[in-house]
Amino acid sequence: MFNARWCAGVLVVILALPGAAAAQVTTADIVGRVTDSSGAVLPGATVTIENLATHDVRTAPTNETGDYLFNLLPIGTYTVNVELQGFA
């Protein structure tokens, strides 16, 4: 009986592995808030991100609360730059 249970347990694990592999995360989001040195939010800034591996560049504006969102990005390392007229 012990051998049958052990074999059944191993079979369950083996059958579950393809589902676990399919559940691997392949995308992510970058979210943030742009503020000045005093902590005031900066709406209307342009946020640019670049994937360092693929050099894919995307831009997004900040909203009225200074927030930005890039969603469904390939997993990787990104640089984030912010530009707003009047700020150096």
Protein backbone atom coordinates (compact mmCIF):
# COMPACT_ATOMS: atom_id res chain seq x y z
CA MET A 1 0.00 0.00 0.00
CA PHE A 2 2.87 2.37 0.78
CA ASN A 3 4.33 1.87 -2.70
CA ALA A 4 0.99 2.54 -4.41
CA ARG A 5 0.51 5.80 -2.47
CA TRP A 6 4.06 6.88 -3.18
CA CYS A 7 3.63 6.17 -6.90
CA ALA A 8 0.32 8.02 -6.93
CA GLY A 9 1.97 11.02 -5.24
CA VAL A 10 4.80 11.06 -7.74
CA LEU A 11 2.31 10.83 -10.60
CA VAL A 12 0.35 13.82 -9.24
CA VAL A 13 3.54 15.88 -9.01
CA ILE A 14 4.59 14.95 -12.55
CA LEU A 15 1.16 15.82 -13.94
CA ALA A 16 1.18 19.16 -12.11
CA LEU A 17 4.57 20.28 -13.45
CA PRO A 18 3.39 21.43 -16.91
CA GLY A 19 0.77 23.65 -15.26
CA ALA A 20 3.35 25.16 -12.95
CA ALA A 21 5.69 25.83 -15.87
CA ALA A 22 2.90 27.54 -17.80
CA ALA A 23 2.23 29.79 -14.83
CA GLN A 24 5.67 31.44 -15.00
CA VAL A 25 5.51 35.23 -15.07
CA THR A 26 6.64 36.73 -18.39
CA THR A 27 5.45 40.33 -18.04
CA ALA A 28 5.53 43.03 -15.39
CA ASP A 29 4.43 46.60 -14.76
CA ILE A 30 6.42 49.72 -13.91
CA VAL A 31 4.44 52.27 -11.91
CA GLY A 32 5.52 55.39 -10.12
CA ARG A 33 4.86 58.97 -9.10
CA VAL A 34 6.94 61.92 -10.26
CA THR A 35 7.58 64.60 -7.63
CA ASP A 36 9.90 67.57 -7.27
CA SER A 37 12.43 68.04 -4.47
CA SER A 38 9.72 69.42 -2.16
CA GLY A 39 7.45 66.41 -2.75
CA ALA A 40 4.94 68.22 -4.97
CA VAL A 41 3.54 66.02 -7.74
CA LEU A 42 4.41 66.84 -11.35
CA PRO A 43 1.50 66.27 -13.74
CA GLY A 44 2.23 66.38 -17.46
CA ALA A 45 5.80 65.09 -17.23
CA THR A 46 6.97 62.67 -19.91
CA VAL A 47 8.32 59.39 -18.55
CA THR A 48 10.49 57.33 -20.90
CA ILE A 49 11.61 53.76 -20.23
CA GLU A 50 14.10 51.68 -22.19
CA ASN A 51 14.62 47.94 -21.98
CA LEU A 52 18.41 47.57 -21.74
CA ALA A 53 18.44 44.18 -23.50
CA THR A 54 16.13 44.96 -26.43
CA HIS A 55 16.42 48.78 -26.55
CA ASP A 56 12.62 48.94 -26.78
CA VAL A 57 11.59 52.49 -25.77
CA ARG A 58 8.16 53.49 -24.47
CA THR A 59 6.83 56.81 -23.20
CA ALA A 60 3.88 57.80 -21.05
CA PRO A 61 2.71 61.06 -19.50
CA THR A 62 2.11 61.54 -15.81
CA ASN A 63 -1.52 62.14 -14.84
CA GLU A 64 -2.92 64.90 -12.63
CA THR A 65 -1.49 63.20 -9.52
CA GLY A 66 1.96 62.68 -11.08
CA ASP A 67 1.42 58.95 -11.55
CA TYR A 68 2.53 56.91 -14.56
CA LEU A 69 2.04 53.29 -15.62
CA PHE A 70 3.71 50.98 -18.10
CA ASN A 71 1.99 47.60 -18.14
CA LEU A 72 2.61 44.21 -19.72
CA LEU A 73 6.34 44.84 -20.15
CA PRO A 74 8.67 41.96 -20.91
CA ILE A 75 10.65 41.00 -17.81
CA GLY A 76 14.02 42.75 -17.86
CA THR A 77 16.09 45.71 -16.72
CA TYR A 78 14.87 49.17 -17.65
CA THR A 79 16.13 52.73 -17.39
CA VAL A 80 13.55 55.35 -16.43
CA ASN A 81 13.92 59.01 -17.40
CA VAL A 82 11.58 61.92 -16.72
CA GLU A 83 11.35 65.22 -18.58
CA LEU A 84 9.25 68.27 -17.81
CA GLN A 85 9.69 71.76 -19.21
CA GLY A 86 11.17 74.07 -16.58
CA PHE A 87 13.06 71.27 -14.81
CA ALA A 88 16.66 70.36 -15.51
